[in-house]
Amino acid sequence: MAINFNQIVDDFKHTNWKDPGTWTIAPKILVLVAVLAAIPVGAYFFIWQDQIAEIEKGLEQEENLKKDYFAKKAQAINLDLHKQQLREIDTQFGALLKQLPNKSQMDALLVDINQAGLSRGLQFELFRPGETEAAREFYSELPITVKVIGTYHDMGAFAADVGQLPRIVTLNDISIEAGKDGNLTMDATARTFRYLDEDEVAAQRKAAAGAKKGPAKK
């Protein structure tokens, strides 16, 4: 059956759009197609769009919950291993803490450092502990300015002896110069460390909190 396009165009030209009862088949089909197309388009913008957004949001939340679940599941599976590692860390930390003297043991440690040099035949020209300590979170550093004279072998043995002391002592900023008599002169900074007692830690935290607040307003 041939379609008369001219007739269809003529029907549209003479259609009274205000009176649907007079429409021919072509305008009716056009309006029907427009209505059928408008229904899903309108439904998308007024109903489905928000629902799709909610579904996408729910899927994203579901993915995040899955990741959180698997992460917590892995933690639960390795909980015993984590506890064992934590115990090992606590043990290691305790061992290191024992190598830090307390305030009352500092004088004995200074004597040990001095004696380590004298036992190796070194001559101390300067052994001056710092006037102030550099406080950290749970320990403090005390620098000691050292100047000794002796042979290269004796200085090496002294450094080894200091490294083997039961308390932690480090030699820093080492400078060695040759003397006219064949001996060497070594300038260095020995750093000793001690742990802070509970009162010192509390005072330090109080001072840090006060510093964050700033000076009191008058």
N, C-alpha and C. Protein backbone atom coordinates (compact mmCIF):
# COMPACT_ATOMS: atom_id res chain seq x y z
N MET A 1 0.84 -1.21 0.00
CA MET A 1 0.00 0.00 0.00
C MET A 1 0.87 1.24 0.00
N ALA A 2 0.70 2.10 -1.00
CA ALA A 2 1.52 3.30 -1.12
C ALA A 2 1.03 4.38 -0.16
N ILE A 3 1.97 5.10 0.39
CA ILE A 3 1.66 6.19 1.32
C ILE A 3 1.65 7.49 0.57
N ASN A 4 0.58 8.22 0.67
CA ASN A 4 0.45 9.51 0.00
C ASN A 4 0.93 10.60 0.95
N PHE A 5 2.20 10.97 0.81
CA PHE A 5 2.78 11.97 1.70
C PHE A 5 2.15 13.34 1.48
N ASN A 6 1.77 13.60 0.25
CA ASN A 6 1.15 14.90 -0.02
C ASN A 6 -0.17 15.02 0.74
N GLN A 7 -0.91 13.89 0.78
CA GLN A 7 -2.19 13.90 1.50
C GLN A 7 -1.96 14.11 3.00
N ILE A 8 -0.90 13.46 3.52
CA ILE A 8 -0.59 13.60 4.95
C ILE A 8 -0.24 15.04 5.28
N VAL A 9 0.60 15.67 4.43
CA VAL A 9 0.98 17.06 4.65
C VAL A 9 -0.24 17.97 4.59
N ASP A 10 -1.14 17.66 3.61
CA ASP A 10 -2.35 18.47 3.47
C ASP A 10 -3.25 18.32 4.69
N ASP A 11 -3.31 17.08 5.24
CA ASP A 11 -4.12 16.87 6.44
C ASP A 11 -3.61 17.72 7.60
N PHE A 12 -2.27 17.77 7.77
CA PHE A 12 -1.70 18.57 8.86
C PHE A 12 -1.98 20.06 8.66
N LYS A 13 -1.99 20.50 7.40
CA LYS A 13 -2.23 21.92 7.14
C LYS A 13 -3.66 22.32 7.50
N HIS A 14 -4.59 21.42 7.29
CA HIS A 14 -6.00 21.75 7.51
C HIS A 14 -6.53 21.22 8.84
N THR A 15 -5.60 20.76 9.70
CA THR A 15 -6.05 20.21 10.98
C THR A 15 -6.40 21.35 11.94
N ASN A 16 -7.55 21.21 12.58
CA ASN A 16 -7.95 22.14 13.63
C ASN A 16 -7.50 21.53 14.96
N TRP A 17 -6.36 21.98 15.45
CA TRP A 17 -5.74 21.35 16.63
C TRP A 17 -6.58 21.57 17.89
N LYS A 18 -7.51 22.53 17.82
CA LYS A 18 -8.34 22.77 19.00
C LYS A 18 -9.55 21.84 19.05
N ASP A 19 -9.79 21.12 17.96
CA ASP A 19 -10.95 20.21 17.92
C ASP A 19 -10.49 18.81 17.54
N PRO A 20 -10.06 18.00 18.51
CA PRO A 20 -9.54 16.66 18.22
C PRO A 20 -10.53 15.78 17.48
N GLY A 21 -11.80 16.07 17.60
CA GLY A 21 -12.78 15.23 16.94
C GLY A 21 -12.72 15.31 15.43
N THR A 22 -12.13 16.34 14.88
CA THR A 22 -12.03 16.50 13.43
C THR A 22 -10.71 16.03 12.87
N TRP A 23 -9.81 15.51 13.76
CA TRP A 23 -8.47 15.11 13.29
C TRP A 23 -8.57 13.87 12.42
N THR A 24 -7.70 13.85 11.42
CA THR A 24 -7.55 12.64 10.60
C THR A 24 -6.58 11.69 11.28
N ILE A 25 -6.31 10.56 10.65
CA ILE A 25 -5.47 9.52 11.26
C ILE A 25 -4.04 9.99 11.51
N ALA A 26 -3.47 10.80 10.57
CA ALA A 26 -2.07 11.22 10.69
C ALA A 26 -1.84 12.07 11.93
N PRO A 27 -2.62 13.15 12.16
CA PRO A 27 -2.41 13.92 13.40
C PRO A 27 -2.62 13.10 14.66
N LYS A 28 -3.60 12.18 14.60
CA LYS A 28 -3.82 11.35 15.79
C LYS A 28 -2.59 10.48 16.11
N ILE A 29 -2.01 9.91 15.03
CA ILE A 29 -0.81 9.07 15.26
C ILE A 29 0.33 9.93 15.80
N LEU A 30 0.50 11.14 15.24
CA LEU A 30 1.57 12.03 15.71
C LEU A 30 1.40 12.36 17.18
N VAL A 31 0.19 12.71 17.57
CA VAL A 31 -0.06 13.05 18.98
C VAL A 31 0.15 11.84 19.87
N LEU A 32 -0.29 10.67 19.39
CA LEU A 32 -0.09 9.45 20.18
C LEU A 32 1.39 9.16 20.41
N VAL A 33 2.20 9.29 19.34
CA VAL A 33 3.65 9.06 19.47
C VAL A 33 4.27 10.08 20.42
N ALA A 34 3.82 11.35 20.32
CA ALA A 34 4.35 12.40 21.20
C ALA A 34 4.03 12.09 22.66
N VAL A 35 2.77 11.62 22.91
CA VAL A 35 2.38 11.28 24.28
C VAL A 35 3.19 10.11 24.81
N LEU A 36 3.34 9.09 23.94
CA LEU A 36 4.11 7.92 24.37
C LEU A 36 5.57 8.28 24.66
N ALA A 37 6.13 9.22 23.90
CA ALA A 37 7.51 9.64 24.14
C ALA A 37 7.60 10.53 25.37
N ALA A 38 6.58 11.36 25.60
CA ALA A 38 6.61 12.30 26.72
C ALA A 38 6.48 11.59 28.06
N ILE A 39 5.75 10.47 28.07
CA ILE A 39 5.53 9.77 29.34
C ILE A 39 6.86 9.30 29.97
N PRO A 40 7.71 8.54 29.24
CA PRO A 40 8.96 8.12 29.88
C PRO A 40 9.92 9.28 30.15
N VAL A 41 9.91 10.29 29.23
CA VAL A 41 10.80 11.44 29.46
C VAL A 41 10.38 12.19 30.72
N GLY A 42 9.09 12.44 30.86
CA GLY A 42 8.60 13.12 32.06
C GLY A 42 8.82 12.29 33.31
N ALA A 43 8.59 10.99 33.17
CA ALA A 43 8.81 10.11 34.33
C ALA A 43 10.27 10.13 34.77
N TYR A 44 11.19 10.21 33.80
CA TYR A 44 12.62 10.23 34.15
C TYR A 44 12.97 11.48 34.96
N PHE A 45 12.52 12.64 34.44
CA PHE A 45 12.90 13.89 35.08
C PHE A 45 12.17 14.13 36.39
N PHE A 46 10.92 13.67 36.52
CA PHE A 46 10.14 13.97 37.71
C PHE A 46 10.11 12.83 38.73
N ILE A 47 10.44 11.59 38.29
CA ILE A 47 10.35 10.45 39.21
C ILE A 47 11.64 9.63 39.22
N TRP A 48 12.01 9.13 38.04
CA TRP A 48 13.12 8.17 37.99
C TRP A 48 14.47 8.79 38.28
N GLN A 49 14.67 10.05 37.93
CA GLN A 49 16.00 10.67 38.12
C GLN A 49 16.42 10.61 39.59
N ASP A 50 15.51 11.00 40.49
CA ASP A 50 15.83 10.95 41.92
C ASP A 50 16.02 9.52 42.39
N GLN A 51 15.18 8.63 41.85
CA GLN A 51 15.30 7.22 42.26
C GLN A 51 16.63 6.62 41.79
N ILE A 52 17.03 6.97 40.56
CA ILE A 52 18.32 6.47 40.05
C ILE A 52 19.47 7.00 40.88
N ALA A 53 19.36 8.29 41.27
CA ALA A 53 20.42 8.88 42.11
C ALA A 53 20.50 8.17 43.45
N GLU A 54 19.32 7.83 44.02
CA GLU A 54 19.29 7.11 45.29
C GLU A 54 19.89 5.72 45.13
N ILE A 55 19.59 5.06 44.01
CA ILE A 55 20.14 3.72 43.77
C ILE A 55 21.66 3.79 43.64
N GLU A 56 22.16 4.79 42.88
CA GLU A 56 23.61 4.94 42.72
C GLU A 56 24.28 5.23 44.06
N LYS A 57 23.63 6.07 44.88
CA LYS A 57 24.16 6.36 46.21
C LYS A 57 24.20 5.11 47.07
N GLY A 58 23.11 4.32 46.97
CA GLY A 58 23.07 3.06 47.73
C GLY A 58 24.14 2.09 47.29
N LEU A 59 24.39 2.02 45.97
CA LEU A 59 25.44 1.13 45.47
C LEU A 59 26.81 1.57 45.96
N GLU A 60 27.02 2.89 46.00
CA GLU A 60 28.30 3.40 46.49
C GLU A 60 28.48 3.08 47.97
N GLN A 61 27.41 3.26 48.75
CA GLN A 61 27.48 2.92 50.17
C GLN A 61 27.72 1.43 50.36
N GLU A 62 27.07 0.63 49.52
CA GLU A 62 27.27 -0.82 49.60
C GLU A 62 28.73 -1.18 49.35
N GLU A 63 29.35 -0.53 48.35
CA GLU A 63 30.76 -0.80 48.03
C GLU A 63 31.67 -0.39 49.19
N ASN A 64 31.36 0.77 49.80
CA ASN A 64 32.17 1.21 50.94
C ASN A 64 32.01 0.27 52.12
N LEU A 65 30.78 -0.20 52.35
CA LEU A 65 30.54 -1.14 53.45
C LEU A 65 31.27 -2.46 53.20
N LYS A 66 31.30 -2.89 51.94
CA LYS A 66 32.02 -4.12 51.62
C LYS A 66 33.51 -3.96 51.93
N LYS A 67 34.08 -2.81 51.50
CA LYS A 67 35.49 -2.58 51.76
C LYS A 67 35.77 -2.54 53.26
N ASP A 68 34.89 -1.85 54.01
CA ASP A 68 35.05 -1.77 55.45
C ASP A 68 34.95 -3.15 56.09
N TYR A 69 34.01 -3.95 55.58
CA TYR A 69 33.83 -5.30 56.11
C TYR A 69 35.07 -6.16 55.89
N PHE A 70 35.59 -6.14 54.66
CA PHE A 70 36.76 -6.97 54.36
C PHE A 70 37.98 -6.50 55.12
N ALA A 71 38.10 -5.16 55.33
CA ALA A 71 39.23 -4.64 56.10
C ALA A 71 39.15 -5.11 57.55
N LYS A 72 37.95 -5.03 58.14
CA LYS A 72 37.79 -5.48 59.52
C LYS A 72 37.93 -7.00 59.63
N LYS A 73 37.50 -7.70 58.58
CA LYS A 73 37.66 -9.15 58.58
C LYS A 73 39.13 -9.53 58.58
N ALA A 74 39.92 -8.80 57.77
CA ALA A 74 41.37 -9.07 57.72
C ALA A 74 42.01 -8.76 59.07
N GLN A 75 41.55 -7.68 59.72
CA GLN A 75 42.08 -7.36 61.05
C GLN A 75 41.73 -8.43 62.06
N ALA A 76 40.49 -8.92 61.96
CA ALA A 76 40.07 -9.96 62.90
C ALA A 76 40.86 -11.24 62.70
N ILE A 77 41.13 -11.57 61.43
CA ILE A 77 41.89 -12.79 61.14
C ILE A 77 43.31 -12.68 61.70
N ASN A 78 43.90 -11.46 61.57
CA ASN A 78 45.29 -11.26 62.00
C ASN A 78 45.39 -10.68 63.41
N LEU A 79 44.28 -10.74 64.17
CA LEU A 79 44.28 -10.12 65.50
C LEU A 79 45.34 -10.73 66.40
N ASP A 80 45.45 -12.05 66.41
CA ASP A 80 46.44 -12.70 67.28
C ASP A 80 47.86 -12.30 66.87
N LEU A 81 48.09 -12.20 65.55
CA LEU A 81 49.41 -11.79 65.08
C LEU A 81 49.71 -10.37 65.51
N HIS A 82 48.71 -9.47 65.39
CA HIS A 82 48.91 -8.09 65.81
C HIS A 82 49.20 -7.99 67.30
N LYS A 83 48.49 -8.79 68.10
CA LYS A 83 48.73 -8.79 69.54
C LYS A 83 50.15 -9.25 69.86
N GLN A 84 50.60 -10.29 69.15
CA GLN A 84 51.96 -10.79 69.36
C GLN A 84 52.99 -9.72 68.99
N GLN A 85 52.77 -9.04 67.84
CA GLN A 85 53.68 -7.99 67.42
C GLN A 85 53.69 -6.84 68.43
N LEU A 86 52.51 -6.51 68.98
CA LEU A 86 52.44 -5.45 69.98
C LEU A 86 53.21 -5.83 71.24
N ARG A 87 53.11 -7.10 71.64
CA ARG A 87 53.86 -7.55 72.82
C ARG A 87 55.37 -7.46 72.55
N GLU A 88 55.78 -7.82 71.33
CA GLU A 88 57.20 -7.74 70.99
C GLU A 88 57.69 -6.30 70.99
N ILE A 89 56.85 -5.40 70.47
CA ILE A 89 57.22 -3.98 70.47
C ILE A 89 57.33 -3.46 71.90
N ASP A 90 56.38 -3.84 72.77
CA ASP A 90 56.44 -3.41 74.17
C ASP A 90 57.71 -3.94 74.84
N THR A 91 58.07 -5.18 74.52
CA THR A 91 59.29 -5.76 75.10
C THR A 91 60.53 -5.01 74.63
N GLN A 92 60.59 -4.73 73.32
CA GLN A 92 61.73 -4.00 72.78
C GLN A 92 61.81 -2.60 73.35
N PHE A 93 60.64 -1.95 73.47
CA PHE A 93 60.61 -0.60 74.03
C PHE A 93 61.07 -0.61 75.48
N GLY A 94 60.61 -1.62 76.23
CA GLY A 94 61.04 -1.71 77.62
C GLY A 94 62.54 -1.92 77.74
N ALA A 95 63.10 -2.73 76.82
CA ALA A 95 64.55 -2.96 76.84
C ALA A 95 65.32 -1.68 76.54
N LEU A 96 64.82 -0.92 75.56
CA LEU A 96 65.47 0.36 75.23
C LEU A 96 65.33 1.35 76.38
N LEU A 97 64.15 1.35 77.01
CA LEU A 97 63.93 2.29 78.12
C LEU A 97 64.87 2.01 79.28
N LYS A 98 65.20 0.73 79.48
CA LYS A 98 66.12 0.38 80.57
C LYS A 98 67.53 0.92 80.31
N GLN A 99 67.83 1.20 79.03
CA GLN A 99 69.14 1.75 78.71
C GLN A 99 69.21 3.25 78.95
N LEU A 100 68.08 3.85 79.30
CA LEU A 100 68.08 5.27 79.63
C LEU A 100 68.12 5.42 81.14
N PRO A 101 69.09 6.14 81.67
CA PRO A 101 69.15 6.32 83.12
C PRO A 101 68.07 7.29 83.58
N ASN A 102 67.74 7.21 84.85
CA ASN A 102 66.85 8.22 85.40
C ASN A 102 67.68 9.39 85.92
N LYS A 103 67.02 10.35 86.51
CA LYS A 103 67.72 11.58 86.92
C LYS A 103 68.82 11.30 87.94
N SER A 104 68.57 10.37 88.85
CA SER A 104 69.54 10.09 89.90
C SER A 104 70.76 9.32 89.39
N GLN A 105 70.65 8.70 88.21
CA GLN A 105 71.75 7.90 87.67
C GLN A 105 72.63 8.67 86.69
N MET A 106 72.27 9.91 86.40
CA MET A 106 73.03 10.68 85.41
C MET A 106 74.46 10.94 85.86
N ASP A 107 74.65 11.26 87.13
CA ASP A 107 76.01 11.54 87.61
C ASP A 107 76.92 10.33 87.44
N ALA A 108 76.37 9.14 87.73
CA ALA A 108 77.16 7.92 87.58
C ALA A 108 77.50 7.68 86.11
N LEU A 109 76.58 8.01 85.21
CA LEU A 109 76.84 7.83 83.79
C LEU A 109 77.95 8.78 83.32
N LEU A 110 77.94 10.00 83.79
CA LEU A 110 78.99 10.95 83.43
C LEU A 110 80.36 10.45 83.91
N VAL A 111 80.37 9.85 85.09
CA VAL A 111 81.62 9.28 85.60
C VAL A 111 82.08 8.13 84.72
N ASP A 112 81.14 7.31 84.25
CA ASP A 112 81.48 6.18 83.38
C ASP A 112 82.11 6.66 82.07
N ILE A 113 81.55 7.73 81.50
CA ILE A 113 82.11 8.26 80.25
C ILE A 113 83.52 8.79 80.48
N ASN A 114 83.69 9.52 81.56
CA ASN A 114 85.01 10.07 81.88
C ASN A 114 86.01 8.94 82.14
N GLN A 115 85.58 7.92 82.86
CA GLN A 115 86.47 6.81 83.20
C GLN A 115 86.84 6.01 81.96
N ALA A 116 85.90 5.93 80.96
CA ALA A 116 86.20 5.21 79.73
C ALA A 116 87.37 5.86 79.00
N GLY A 117 87.43 7.20 79.03
CA GLY A 117 88.54 7.89 78.38
C GLY A 117 89.83 7.73 79.15
N LEU A 118 89.77 7.86 80.48
CA LEU A 118 90.98 7.77 81.30
C LEU A 118 91.58 6.36 81.24
N SER A 119 90.70 5.35 81.17
CA SER A 119 91.21 3.97 81.13
C SER A 119 91.95 3.68 79.83
N ARG A 120 91.71 4.48 78.80
CA ARG A 120 92.40 4.31 77.52
C ARG A 120 93.61 5.25 77.39
N GLY A 121 93.94 5.91 78.49
CA GLY A 121 95.12 6.76 78.48
C GLY A 121 94.90 8.11 77.84
N LEU A 122 93.67 8.51 77.64
CA LEU A 122 93.38 9.81 77.03
C LEU A 122 93.45 10.91 78.09
N GLN A 123 93.88 12.07 77.65
CA GLN A 123 93.96 13.22 78.54
C GLN A 123 92.79 14.16 78.23
N PHE A 124 91.95 14.38 79.23
CA PHE A 124 90.80 15.26 79.04
C PHE A 124 91.22 16.71 79.25
N GLU A 125 91.06 17.50 78.21
CA GLU A 125 91.26 18.94 78.35
C GLU A 125 89.94 19.64 78.63
N LEU A 126 88.85 18.98 78.26
CA LEU A 126 87.53 19.57 78.51
C LEU A 126 86.51 18.46 78.64
N PHE A 127 85.70 18.53 79.68
CA PHE A 127 84.59 17.62 79.88
C PHE A 127 83.50 18.44 80.56
N ARG A 128 82.61 19.03 79.73
CA ARG A 128 81.66 20.00 80.25
C ARG A 128 80.22 19.60 79.88
N PRO A 129 79.46 19.08 80.83
CA PRO A 129 78.05 18.78 80.57
C PRO A 129 77.28 20.07 80.29
N GLY A 130 76.28 20.00 79.44
CA GLY A 130 75.46 21.17 79.14
C GLY A 130 74.68 21.63 80.35
N GLU A 131 74.40 22.92 80.38
CA GLU A 131 73.68 23.47 81.51
C GLU A 131 72.19 23.13 81.47
N THR A 132 71.68 22.92 80.28
CA THR A 132 70.25 22.60 80.15
C THR A 132 70.07 21.34 79.31
N GLU A 133 69.00 20.63 79.58
CA GLU A 133 68.65 19.43 78.84
C GLU A 133 67.60 19.77 77.77
N ALA A 134 67.65 19.03 76.67
CA ALA A 134 66.64 19.18 75.62
C ALA A 134 65.57 18.13 75.86
N ALA A 135 64.40 18.57 76.33
CA ALA A 135 63.33 17.64 76.68
C ALA A 135 62.58 17.19 75.44
N ARG A 136 62.29 15.90 75.40
CA ARG A 136 61.46 15.32 74.35
C ARG A 136 60.17 14.79 74.99
N GLU A 137 59.48 13.87 74.31
CA GLU A 137 58.18 13.43 74.81
C GLU A 137 58.31 12.67 76.12
N PHE A 138 59.22 11.71 76.19
CA PHE A 138 59.36 10.93 77.41
C PHE A 138 60.81 10.81 77.86
N TYR A 139 61.71 11.53 77.20
CA TYR A 139 63.12 11.50 77.58
C TYR A 139 63.73 12.87 77.33
N SER A 140 64.95 13.05 77.79
CA SER A 140 65.66 14.30 77.56
C SER A 140 67.09 13.99 77.13
N GLU A 141 67.69 14.93 76.41
CA GLU A 141 69.07 14.79 75.94
C GLU A 141 69.95 15.75 76.72
N LEU A 142 71.13 15.27 77.09
CA LEU A 142 72.11 16.12 77.75
C LEU A 142 73.40 16.10 76.93
N PRO A 143 73.76 17.23 76.31
CA PRO A 143 75.02 17.26 75.55
C PRO A 143 76.21 17.49 76.47
N ILE A 144 77.32 16.85 76.14
CA ILE A 144 78.56 17.01 76.91
C ILE A 144 79.67 17.37 75.93
N THR A 145 80.26 18.53 76.11
CA THR A 145 81.37 18.95 75.26
C THR A 145 82.65 18.27 75.75
N VAL A 146 83.29 17.55 74.84
CA VAL A 146 84.47 16.76 75.21
C VAL A 146 85.66 17.16 74.33
N LYS A 147 86.82 17.28 74.95
CA LYS A 147 88.07 17.51 74.22
C LYS A 147 89.14 16.63 74.86
N VAL A 148 89.67 15.68 74.07
CA VAL A 148 90.64 14.74 74.60
C VAL A 148 91.87 14.71 73.71
N ILE A 149 93.00 14.32 74.31
CA ILE A 149 94.27 14.21 73.59
C ILE A 149 94.79 12.79 73.77
N GLY A 150 95.22 12.19 72.66
CA GLY A 150 95.76 10.84 72.73
C GLY A 150 96.07 10.32 71.34
N THR A 151 96.35 9.03 71.29
CA THR A 151 96.68 8.42 70.00
C THR A 151 95.39 8.03 69.27
N TYR A 152 95.54 7.77 67.98
CA TYR A 152 94.39 7.38 67.16
C TYR A 152 93.80 6.07 67.67
N HIS A 153 94.67 5.14 68.02
CA HIS A 153 94.21 3.84 68.52
C HIS A 153 93.42 4.01 69.82
N ASP A 154 93.94 4.84 70.73
CA ASP A 154 93.26 5.03 72.01
C ASP A 154 91.90 5.72 71.83
N MET A 155 91.84 6.66 70.89
CA MET A 155 90.55 7.34 70.65
C MET A 155 89.53 6.37 70.06
N GLY A 156 89.98 5.49 69.17
CA GLY A 156 89.08 4.49 68.63
C GLY A 156 88.57 3.55 69.70
N ALA A 157 89.47 3.14 70.61
CA ALA A 157 89.07 2.25 71.69
C ALA A 157 88.10 2.97 72.64
N PHE A 158 88.32 4.26 72.87
CA PHE A 158 87.42 5.05 73.71
C PHE A 158 86.03 5.12 73.10
N ALA A 159 85.96 5.36 71.80
CA ALA A 159 84.67 5.42 71.12
C ALA A 159 83.95 4.08 71.21
N ALA A 160 84.71 2.97 71.08
CA ALA A 160 84.10 1.64 71.19
C ALA A 160 83.60 1.39 72.61
N ASP A 161 84.37 1.82 73.60
CA ASP A 161 83.96 1.64 75.00
C ASP A 161 82.69 2.42 75.30
N VAL A 162 82.60 3.65 74.77
CA VAL A 162 81.40 4.46 74.98
C VAL A 162 80.19 3.78 74.36
N GLY A 163 80.37 3.18 73.17
CA GLY A 163 79.27 2.50 72.51
C GLY A 163 78.81 1.25 73.24
N GLN A 164 79.68 0.69 74.10
CA GLN A 164 79.33 -0.53 74.82
C GLN A 164 78.86 -0.27 76.25
N LEU A 165 78.74 1.00 76.62
CA LEU A 165 78.22 1.32 77.95
C LEU A 165 76.79 0.81 78.08
N PRO A 166 76.38 0.39 79.29
CA PRO A 166 75.01 -0.12 79.46
C PRO A 166 73.95 0.94 79.20
N ARG A 167 74.33 2.22 79.26
CA ARG A 167 73.41 3.30 78.95
C ARG A 167 73.73 3.86 77.57
N ILE A 168 72.73 4.43 76.91
CA ILE A 168 72.91 4.94 75.55
C ILE A 168 73.69 6.25 75.58
N VAL A 169 74.82 6.25 74.88
CA VAL A 169 75.64 7.46 74.72
C VAL A 169 76.11 7.50 73.27
N THR A 170 76.00 8.64 72.64
CA THR A 170 76.46 8.78 71.26
C THR A 170 77.50 9.88 71.19
N LEU A 171 78.43 9.74 70.25
CA LEU A 171 79.44 10.77 69.99
C LEU A 171 79.08 11.47 68.69
N ASN A 172 78.98 12.78 68.73
CA ASN A 172 78.54 13.56 67.57
C ASN A 172 79.51 14.71 67.33
N ASP A 173 79.42 15.27 66.12
CA ASP A 173 80.22 16.46 65.75
C ASP A 173 81.71 16.24 66.06
N ILE A 174 82.23 15.11 65.65
CA ILE A 174 83.62 14.76 65.96
C ILE A 174 84.57 15.50 65.02
N SER A 175 85.59 16.09 65.61
CA SER A 175 86.64 16.78 64.85
C SER A 175 87.99 16.38 65.43
N ILE A 176 88.90 15.90 64.57
CA ILE A 176 90.21 15.42 65.03
C ILE A 176 91.31 16.21 64.32
N GLU A 177 92.26 16.67 65.10
CA GLU A 177 93.40 17.40 64.56
C GLU A 177 94.70 16.78 65.08
N ALA A 178 95.72 16.82 64.24
CA ALA A 178 97.02 16.28 64.63
C ALA A 178 97.82 17.34 65.41
N GLY A 179 98.44 16.89 66.50
CA GLY A 179 99.27 17.79 67.29
C GLY A 179 100.74 17.69 66.90
N LYS A 180 101.53 18.62 67.39
CA LYS A 180 102.95 18.64 67.06
C LYS A 180 103.71 17.49 67.72
N ASP A 181 103.21 16.97 68.82
CA ASP A 181 103.89 15.91 69.54
C ASP A 181 103.53 14.52 69.01
N GLY A 182 102.75 14.46 67.93
CA GLY A 182 102.37 13.17 67.36
C GLY A 182 101.03 12.66 67.86
N ASN A 183 100.50 13.27 68.91
CA ASN A 183 99.18 12.87 69.40
C ASN A 183 98.08 13.59 68.61
N LEU A 184 96.89 13.14 68.83
CA LEU A 184 95.73 13.75 68.18
C LEU A 184 94.85 14.44 69.22
N THR A 185 94.16 15.47 68.78
CA THR A 185 93.19 16.17 69.63
C THR A 185 91.81 15.98 69.02
N MET A 186 90.91 15.45 69.82
CA MET A 186 89.55 15.21 69.33
C MET A 186 88.56 16.08 70.09
N ASP A 187 87.80 16.86 69.33
CA ASP A 187 86.67 17.61 69.88
C ASP A 187 85.39 16.88 69.47
N ALA A 188 84.50 16.69 70.41
CA ALA A 188 83.25 15.97 70.12
C ALA A 188 82.17 16.39 71.10
N THR A 189 80.95 16.06 70.74
CA THR A 189 79.81 16.26 71.64
C THR A 189 79.23 14.89 71.96
N ALA A 190 79.35 14.50 73.22
CA ALA A 190 78.74 13.25 73.67
C ALA A 190 77.31 13.55 74.12
N ARG A 191 76.38 12.77 73.63
CA ARG A 191 74.98 12.97 74.02
C ARG A 191 74.51 11.79 74.85
N THR A 192 74.02 12.09 76.01
CA THR A 192 73.44 11.07 76.87
C THR A 192 71.94 11.33 76.95
N PHE A 193 71.22 10.28 77.28
CA PHE A 193 69.76 10.37 77.29
C PHE A 193 69.25 9.80 78.61
N ARG A 194 68.22 10.38 79.14
CA ARG A 194 67.57 9.83 80.34
C ARG A 194 66.07 9.95 80.17
N TYR A 195 65.34 9.02 80.78
CA TYR A 195 63.89 9.11 80.69
C TYR A 195 63.35 10.03 81.77
N LEU A 196 62.25 10.69 81.47
CA LEU A 196 61.63 11.61 82.40
C LEU A 196 60.70 10.86 83.35
N ASP A 197 60.70 11.27 84.61
CA ASP A 197 59.78 10.63 85.55
C ASP A 197 58.37 11.18 85.32
N GLU A 198 57.41 10.62 86.04
CA GLU A 198 56.00 10.98 85.80
C GLU A 198 55.74 12.46 86.05
N ASP A 199 56.36 13.01 87.10
CA ASP A 199 56.15 14.42 87.40
C ASP A 199 56.71 15.31 86.29
N GLU A 200 57.87 14.93 85.74
CA GLU A 200 58.47 15.72 84.67
C GLU A 200 57.64 15.64 83.39
N VAL A 201 57.11 14.44 83.10
CA VAL A 201 56.26 14.29 81.91
C VAL A 201 55.00 15.13 82.05
N ALA A 202 54.39 15.10 83.26
CA ALA A 202 53.17 15.88 83.51
C ALA A 202 53.45 17.37 83.37
N ALA A 203 54.58 17.82 83.92
CA ALA A 203 54.93 19.24 83.83
C ALA A 203 55.18 19.65 82.39
N GLN A 204 55.82 18.76 81.64
CA GLN A 204 56.11 19.07 80.23
C GLN A 204 54.81 19.17 79.43
N ARG A 205 53.88 18.27 79.65
CA ARG A 205 52.60 18.31 78.94
C ARG A 205 51.80 19.55 79.32
N LYS A 206 51.88 19.92 80.59
CA LYS A 206 51.17 21.13 81.04
C LYS A 206 51.75 22.36 80.37
N ALA A 207 53.08 22.41 80.27
CA ALA A 207 53.73 23.55 79.61
C ALA A 207 53.38 23.59 78.13
N ALA A 208 53.33 22.42 77.48
CA ALA A 208 52.98 22.37 76.06
C ALA A 208 51.55 22.82 75.84
N ALA A 209 50.64 22.41 76.72
CA ALA A 209 49.24 22.83 76.60
C ALA A 209 49.12 24.33 76.79
N GLY A 210 49.89 24.89 77.74
CA GLY A 210 49.86 26.33 77.94
C GLY A 210 50.41 27.09 76.76
N ALA A 211 51.43 26.52 76.11
CA ALA A 211 52.01 27.18 74.94
C ALA A 211 51.02 27.22 73.79
N LYS A 212 50.19 26.16 73.65
CA LYS A 212 49.19 26.13 72.58
C LYS A 212 48.11 27.18 72.80
N LYS A 213 47.73 27.38 74.07
CA LYS A 213 46.69 28.37 74.37
C LYS A 213 47.18 29.79 74.17
N GLY A 214 48.51 29.98 74.28
CA GLY A 214 49.05 31.32 74.13
C GLY A 214 49.09 32.06 75.44
N PRO A 215 49.67 33.26 75.46
CA PRO A 215 49.76 34.02 76.71
C PRO A 215 48.39 34.43 77.22
N ALA A 216 48.29 34.47 78.52
CA ALA A 216 47.01 34.85 79.14
C ALA A 216 46.69 36.30 78.85
N LYS A 217 45.41 36.58 78.58
CA LYS A 217 44.98 37.96 78.30
C LYS A 217 44.86 38.76 79.58
N LYS A 218 45.31 39.99 79.51
CA LYS A 218 45.23 40.87 80.68
C LYS A 218 43.86 41.54 80.73
